[in-house]
Amino acid sequence: MTQVSDLEYYARRARDEADRADSALDPAVRKAHRQMADTYRRIIESGEVPEPRTRYNLSPMRVD
């Protein structure tokens, strides 16, 4: 994906998570969705798309 389409993706995810938080009945679920929405908003505000997280790059240790 390009940087623009990546940022559009995160904007859509932030909106979706905020919608889920608004419709959640359980306060813990609401809080989790709010935190995810905030995370996506911070990514958008920074303008830097994080590296995709796969099972191969989750760990800070380098494995060759």
N, C-alpha and C. Protein backbone atom coordinates (compact mmCIF):
# COMPACT_ATOMS: atom_id res chain seq x y z
N MET A 1 0.84 -1.18 0.00
CA MET A 1 0.00 0.00 0.00
C MET A 1 0.88 1.25 0.00
N THR A 2 0.34 2.30 -0.49
CA THR A 2 1.06 3.57 -0.47
C THR A 2 0.82 4.26 0.86
N GLN A 3 1.62 5.27 1.15
CA GLN A 3 1.47 6.00 2.41
C GLN A 3 0.08 6.61 2.54
N VAL A 4 -0.46 7.16 1.45
CA VAL A 4 -1.79 7.78 1.50
C VAL A 4 -2.86 6.74 1.78
N SER A 5 -2.81 5.63 1.07
CA SER A 5 -3.84 4.61 1.30
C SER A 5 -3.68 3.99 2.69
N ASP A 6 -2.45 3.91 3.20
CA ASP A 6 -2.25 3.42 4.56
C ASP A 6 -2.90 4.36 5.56
N LEU A 7 -2.71 5.66 5.38
CA LEU A 7 -3.32 6.63 6.30
C LEU A 7 -4.84 6.61 6.19
N GLU A 8 -5.35 6.40 4.99
CA GLU A 8 -6.81 6.27 4.83
C GLU A 8 -7.31 5.03 5.56
N TYR A 9 -6.54 3.96 5.50
CA TYR A 9 -6.90 2.74 6.21
C TYR A 9 -6.98 3.01 7.72
N TYR A 10 -5.97 3.69 8.26
CA TYR A 10 -5.98 3.98 9.69
C TYR A 10 -7.10 4.94 10.07
N ALA A 11 -7.44 5.86 9.19
CA ALA A 11 -8.57 6.77 9.45
C ALA A 11 -9.87 5.97 9.52
N ARG A 12 -10.03 5.04 8.62
CA ARG A 12 -11.23 4.19 8.63
C ARG A 12 -11.26 3.32 9.89
N ARG A 13 -10.11 2.76 10.27
CA ARG A 13 -10.06 1.93 11.47
C ARG A 13 -10.36 2.76 12.72
N ALA A 14 -9.86 3.99 12.79
CA ALA A 14 -10.14 4.86 13.94
C ALA A 14 -11.64 5.13 14.04
N ARG A 15 -12.26 5.40 12.91
CA ARG A 15 -13.71 5.66 12.89
C ARG A 15 -14.49 4.41 13.30
N ASP A 16 -14.09 3.25 12.78
CA ASP A 16 -14.76 2.00 13.12
C ASP A 16 -14.62 1.67 14.61
N GLU A 17 -13.43 1.86 15.16
CA GLU A 17 -13.23 1.58 16.58
C GLU A 17 -14.03 2.54 17.45
N ALA A 18 -14.12 3.80 17.05
CA ALA A 18 -14.92 4.77 17.81
C ALA A 18 -16.39 4.38 17.77
N ASP A 19 -16.86 3.92 16.62
CA ASP A 19 -18.25 3.45 16.50
C ASP A 19 -18.50 2.25 17.40
N ARG A 20 -17.55 1.32 17.42
CA ARG A 20 -17.69 0.14 18.28
C ARG A 20 -17.71 0.54 19.75
N ALA A 21 -16.88 1.51 20.11
CA ALA A 21 -16.85 1.97 21.50
C ALA A 21 -18.18 2.60 21.88
N ASP A 22 -18.76 3.36 20.97
CA ASP A 22 -20.04 4.01 21.25
C ASP A 22 -21.16 3.01 21.43
N SER A 23 -21.08 1.87 20.74
CA SER A 23 -22.17 0.90 20.80
C SER A 23 -21.93 -0.22 21.83
N ALA A 24 -20.75 -0.25 22.44
CA ALA A 24 -20.45 -1.31 23.41
C ALA A 24 -21.20 -1.08 24.71
N LEU A 25 -21.71 -2.16 25.27
CA LEU A 25 -22.43 -2.08 26.54
C LEU A 25 -21.50 -2.25 27.73
N ASP A 26 -20.50 -3.09 27.59
CA ASP A 26 -19.56 -3.36 28.68
C ASP A 26 -18.51 -2.25 28.74
N PRO A 27 -18.31 -1.63 29.90
CA PRO A 27 -17.32 -0.55 30.01
C PRO A 27 -15.90 -0.98 29.63
N ALA A 28 -15.53 -2.22 29.93
CA ALA A 28 -14.19 -2.69 29.57
C ALA A 28 -14.02 -2.78 28.05
N VAL A 29 -15.05 -3.23 27.38
CA VAL A 29 -15.02 -3.32 25.91
C VAL A 29 -14.98 -1.91 25.32
N ARG A 30 -15.77 -1.02 25.89
CA ARG A 30 -15.78 0.38 25.43
C ARG A 30 -14.39 0.99 25.56
N LYS A 31 -13.74 0.75 26.71
CA LYS A 31 -12.41 1.30 26.94
C LYS A 31 -11.40 0.74 25.94
N ALA A 32 -11.46 -0.55 25.67
CA ALA A 32 -10.53 -1.17 24.72
C ALA A 32 -10.68 -0.57 23.32
N HIS A 33 -11.92 -0.38 22.89
CA HIS A 33 -12.15 0.20 21.56
C HIS A 33 -11.71 1.66 21.52
N ARG A 34 -11.91 2.39 22.60
CA ARG A 34 -11.45 3.79 22.67
C ARG A 34 -9.92 3.85 22.56
N GLN A 35 -9.24 2.94 23.25
CA GLN A 35 -7.78 2.92 23.20
C GLN A 35 -7.29 2.62 21.79
N MET A 36 -7.95 1.69 21.11
CA MET A 36 -7.55 1.38 19.73
C MET A 36 -7.81 2.58 18.82
N ALA A 37 -8.94 3.24 18.99
CA ALA A 37 -9.25 4.42 18.18
C ALA A 37 -8.20 5.51 18.42
N ASP A 38 -7.80 5.70 19.68
CA ASP A 38 -6.77 6.69 20.00
C ASP A 38 -5.43 6.32 19.37
N THR A 39 -5.11 5.04 19.37
CA THR A 39 -3.86 4.59 18.75
C THR A 39 -3.86 4.90 17.26
N TYR A 40 -4.97 4.61 16.59
CA TYR A 40 -5.07 4.90 15.16
C TYR A 40 -5.00 6.40 14.90
N ARG A 41 -5.61 7.20 15.76
CA ARG A 41 -5.54 8.66 15.58
C ARG A 41 -4.12 9.18 15.73
N ARG A 42 -3.37 8.62 16.69
CA ARG A 42 -1.97 9.03 16.87
C ARG A 42 -1.14 8.69 15.63
N ILE A 43 -1.42 7.54 15.02
CA ILE A 43 -0.70 7.16 13.80
C ILE A 43 -1.01 8.17 12.69
N ILE A 44 -2.27 8.54 12.56
CA ILE A 44 -2.67 9.50 11.53
C ILE A 44 -2.01 10.85 11.77
N GLU A 45 -2.03 11.31 13.04
CA GLU A 45 -1.45 12.62 13.36
C GLU A 45 0.06 12.65 13.11
N SER A 46 0.73 11.54 13.38
CA SER A 46 2.19 11.50 13.17
C SER A 46 2.53 11.45 11.68
N GLY A 47 1.61 10.89 10.88
CA GLY A 47 1.85 10.77 9.45
C GLY A 47 2.81 9.66 9.09
N GLU A 48 3.27 8.91 10.09
CA GLU A 48 4.20 7.81 9.85
C GLU A 48 3.48 6.49 10.00
N VAL A 49 3.50 5.72 8.95
CA VAL A 49 2.83 4.43 8.95
C VAL A 49 3.77 3.41 9.58
N PRO A 50 3.32 2.71 10.62
CA PRO A 50 4.20 1.73 11.25
C PRO A 50 4.45 0.54 10.35
N GLU A 51 5.55 -0.13 10.60
CA GLU A 51 5.87 -1.34 9.83
C GLU A 51 4.82 -2.40 10.13
N PRO A 52 4.40 -3.14 9.12
CA PRO A 52 3.41 -4.21 9.37
C PRO A 52 3.94 -5.20 10.39
N ARG A 53 3.06 -5.62 11.28
CA ARG A 53 3.46 -6.58 12.31
C ARG A 53 3.04 -7.97 11.87
N THR A 54 4.02 -8.80 11.71
CA THR A 54 3.76 -10.19 11.37
C THR A 54 4.36 -11.05 12.47
N ARG A 55 4.14 -12.32 12.39
CA ARG A 55 4.72 -13.18 13.42
C ARG A 55 6.24 -13.18 13.35
N TYR A 56 6.80 -12.69 12.25
CA TYR A 56 8.24 -12.67 12.09
C TYR A 56 8.88 -11.41 12.65
N ASN A 57 8.13 -10.33 12.82
CA ASN A 57 8.77 -9.11 13.33
C ASN A 57 8.09 -8.58 14.60
N LEU A 58 7.41 -9.42 15.34
CA LEU A 58 6.82 -8.99 16.61
C LEU A 58 7.89 -8.85 17.69
N SER A 59 8.90 -9.67 17.63
CA SER A 59 9.93 -9.67 18.65
C SER A 59 11.02 -8.66 18.31
N PRO A 60 11.54 -7.96 19.33
CA PRO A 60 12.64 -7.03 19.06
C PRO A 60 13.95 -7.76 18.74
N MET A 61 14.00 -9.06 19.02
CA MET A 61 15.21 -9.83 18.74
C MET A 61 15.29 -10.15 17.26
N ARG A 62 16.49 -10.07 16.73
CA ARG A 62 16.69 -10.40 15.32
C ARG A 62 17.05 -11.87 15.19
N VAL A 63 16.35 -12.56 14.33
CA VAL A 63 16.61 -13.97 14.10
C VAL A 63 16.94 -14.14 12.63
N ASP A 64 18.11 -14.67 12.35
CA ASP A 64 18.52 -14.88 10.95
C ASP A 64 18.30 -16.30 10.53
